[in-house]
Amino acid sequence: MQLHLASFDDDNTVYQACRDLFSFNSWIVRRHERPYWEVFSREEVVVLSPDADEELLSVEADKVYVVGGLVDRTISRVSERNAKLSSMFSPR
């Protein structure tokens, strides 16, 4: 299993805090400046969303599972909407 962090460029305040406070650069993690939909192909991406109607029943080794980041509680259905706009599977 690999951990990838997408949309995590040098100007990102969360990245800067992780780097400065938690020695982030020594972590075994792949950091991408681009968003996940530009890093991975649509066929391999599964966007997990608490708002999805369909449940994730199995995990496949050849898929990339996207877990959304921390968001304000007032934002709803964002991960599900983004997945549908990109024609990606989005279970909960």
C-alpha atoms as a PDB file:
ATOM      1  CA  MET A   1       0.000   0.000   0.000  1.00  0.00           C
ATOM      2  CA  GLN A   2       1.194   3.502  -0.807  1.00  0.00           C
ATOM      3  CA  LEU A   3       0.012   6.835   0.534  1.00  0.00           C
ATOM      4  CA  HIS A   4      -0.267   9.684  -1.978  1.00  0.00           C
ATOM      5  CA  LEU A   5      -1.206  13.267  -1.111  1.00  0.00           C
ATOM      6  CA  ALA A   6      -2.554  15.236  -4.063  1.00  0.00           C
ATOM      7  CA  SER A   7      -2.981  19.006  -4.508  1.00  0.00           C
ATOM      8  CA  PHE A   8      -0.193  19.404  -1.983  1.00  0.00           C
ATOM      9  CA  ASP A   9       2.121  22.038  -3.455  1.00  0.00           C
ATOM     10  CA  ASP A  10       4.799  24.113  -1.731  1.00  0.00           C
ATOM     11  CA  ASP A  11       2.396  27.044  -1.233  1.00  0.00           C
ATOM     12  CA  ASN A  12      -0.216  24.887   0.524  1.00  0.00           C
ATOM     13  CA  THR A  13      -0.453  25.963   4.178  1.00  0.00           C
ATOM     14  CA  VAL A  14      -1.214  22.409   5.349  1.00  0.00           C
ATOM     15  CA  TYR A  15       1.914  21.150   3.566  1.00  0.00           C
ATOM     16  CA  GLN A  16       3.998  23.927   5.145  1.00  0.00           C
ATOM     17  CA  ALA A  17       2.689  23.079   8.618  1.00  0.00           C
ATOM     18  CA  CYS A  18       3.356  19.353   8.121  1.00  0.00           C
ATOM     19  CA  ARG A  19       6.852  20.093   6.858  1.00  0.00           C
ATOM     20  CA  ASP A  20       7.703  22.506   9.669  1.00  0.00           C
ATOM     21  CA  LEU A  21       5.986  20.817  12.612  1.00  0.00           C
ATOM     22  CA  PHE A  22       6.098  17.110  11.797  1.00  0.00           C
ATOM     23  CA  SER A  23       9.236  16.586   9.637  1.00  0.00           C
ATOM     24  CA  PHE A  24       6.926  15.743   6.750  1.00  0.00           C
ATOM     25  CA  ASN A  25       9.780  15.437   4.245  1.00  0.00           C
ATOM     26  CA  SER A  26      11.011  12.316   6.066  1.00  0.00           C
ATOM     27  CA  TRP A  27       7.639  10.515   5.753  1.00  0.00           C
ATOM     28  CA  ILE A  28       7.257   7.611   3.328  1.00  0.00           C
ATOM     29  CA  VAL A  29       4.588   9.284   1.240  1.00  0.00           C
ATOM     30  CA  ARG A  30       4.275  10.514  -2.349  1.00  0.00           C
ATOM     31  CA  ARG A  31       3.372  14.165  -2.627  1.00  0.00           C
ATOM     32  CA  HIS A  32       1.793  15.529  -5.805  1.00  0.00           C
ATOM     33  CA  GLU A  33       1.268  19.180  -6.636  1.00  0.00           C
ATOM     34  CA  ARG A  34      -1.467  18.288  -9.129  1.00  0.00           C
ATOM     35  CA  PRO A  35      -4.977  17.067  -8.146  1.00  0.00           C
ATOM     36  CA  TYR A  36      -5.625  13.310  -8.047  1.00  0.00           C
ATOM     37  CA  TRP A  37      -7.653  13.343 -11.287  1.00  0.00           C
ATOM     38  CA  GLU A  38      -4.543  14.566 -13.126  1.00  0.00           C
ATOM     39  CA  VAL A  39      -2.179  12.124 -11.380  1.00  0.00           C
ATOM     40  CA  PHE A  40      -4.150   8.876 -11.842  1.00  0.00           C
ATOM     41  CA  SER A  41      -6.316   7.575 -14.696  1.00  0.00           C
ATOM     42  CA  ARG A  42     -10.093   7.684 -14.309  1.00  0.00           C
ATOM     43  CA  GLU A  43     -10.316   3.920 -14.714  1.00  0.00           C
ATOM     44  CA  GLU A  44      -8.227   3.251 -11.616  1.00  0.00           C
ATOM     45  CA  VAL A  45      -9.706   5.918  -9.306  1.00  0.00           C
ATOM     46  CA  VAL A  46     -12.429   5.199  -6.727  1.00  0.00           C
ATOM     47  CA  VAL A  47     -13.520   8.351  -4.891  1.00  0.00           C
ATOM     48  CA  LEU A  48     -14.910   7.494  -1.457  1.00  0.00           C
ATOM     49  CA  SER A  49     -17.765   9.723  -0.350  1.00  0.00           C
ATOM     50  CA  PRO A  50     -20.035   9.588   2.700  1.00  0.00           C
ATOM     51  CA  ASP A  51     -22.799  11.003   0.477  1.00  0.00           C
ATOM     52  CA  ALA A  52     -22.756   8.181  -2.096  1.00  0.00           C
ATOM     53  CA  ASP A  53     -25.742   5.867  -2.500  1.00  0.00           C
ATOM     54  CA  GLU A  54     -23.650   2.791  -3.290  1.00  0.00           C
ATOM     55  CA  GLU A  55     -21.499   0.997  -0.694  1.00  0.00           C
ATOM     56  CA  LEU A  56     -17.914  -0.136  -1.267  1.00  0.00           C
ATOM     57  CA  LEU A  57     -18.110  -3.917  -0.903  1.00  0.00           C
ATOM     58  CA  SER A  58     -14.559  -4.902  -1.847  1.00  0.00           C
ATOM     59  CA  VAL A  59     -11.110  -3.390  -2.265  1.00  0.00           C
ATOM     60  CA  GLU A  60      -9.117  -4.125  -5.408  1.00  0.00           C
ATOM     61  CA  ALA A  61      -5.314  -4.004  -5.584  1.00  0.00           C
ATOM     62  CA  ASP A  62      -5.282  -2.242  -8.961  1.00  0.00           C
ATOM     63  CA  LYS A  63      -7.464   0.683  -7.831  1.00  0.00           C
ATOM     64  CA  VAL A  64      -6.561   4.016  -6.258  1.00  0.00           C
ATOM     65  CA  TYR A  65      -8.891   4.913  -3.380  1.00  0.00           C
ATOM     66  CA  VAL A  66      -9.338   8.628  -2.800  1.00  0.00           C
ATOM     67  CA  VAL A  67     -10.252   9.781   0.684  1.00  0.00           C
ATOM     68  CA  GLY A  68     -11.203  13.457   0.807  1.00  0.00           C
ATOM     69  CA  GLY A  69      -9.354  15.838   3.044  1.00  0.00           C
ATOM     70  CA  LEU A  70     -10.573  17.863   5.967  1.00  0.00           C
ATOM     71  CA  VAL A  71     -13.351  20.222   4.952  1.00  0.00           C
ATOM     72  CA  ASP A  72     -15.732  22.617   6.606  1.00  0.00           C
ATOM     73  CA  ARG A  73     -18.873  20.804   7.788  1.00  0.00           C
ATOM     74  CA  THR A  74     -21.024  23.194   5.749  1.00  0.00           C
ATOM     75  CA  ILE A  75     -19.660  21.742   2.507  1.00  0.00           C
ATOM     76  CA  SER A  76     -21.720  18.765   1.451  1.00  0.00           C
ATOM     77  CA  ARG A  77     -21.550  16.222  -1.330  1.00  0.00           C
ATOM     78  CA  VAL A  78     -18.340  17.736  -2.749  1.00  0.00           C
ATOM     79  CA  SER A  79     -16.393  14.488  -3.228  1.00  0.00           C
ATOM     80  CA  GLU A  80     -19.391  12.721  -4.741  1.00  0.00           C
ATOM     81  CA  ARG A  81     -20.116  15.625  -7.114  1.00  0.00           C
ATOM     82  CA  ASN A  82     -16.463  15.871  -8.228  1.00  0.00           C
ATOM     83  CA  ALA A  83     -16.332  12.132  -8.901  1.00  0.00           C
ATOM     84  CA  LYS A  84     -19.514  12.196 -10.985  1.00  0.00           C
ATOM     85  CA  LEU A  85     -18.282  15.194 -12.993  1.00  0.00           C
ATOM     86  CA  SER A  86     -15.122  13.240 -13.790  1.00  0.00           C
ATOM     87  CA  SER A  87     -16.995   9.965 -14.503  1.00  0.00           C
ATOM     88  CA  MET A  88     -15.324   8.205 -11.557  1.00  0.00           C
ATOM     89  CA  PHE A  89     -16.851   5.547  -9.305  1.00  0.00           C
ATOM     90  CA  SER A  90     -17.867   7.009  -5.936  1.00  0.00           C
ATOM     91  CA  PRO A  91     -19.062   4.608  -3.214  1.00  0.00           C
ATOM     92  CA  ARG A  92     -19.309   5.241   0.505  1.00  0.00           C
END
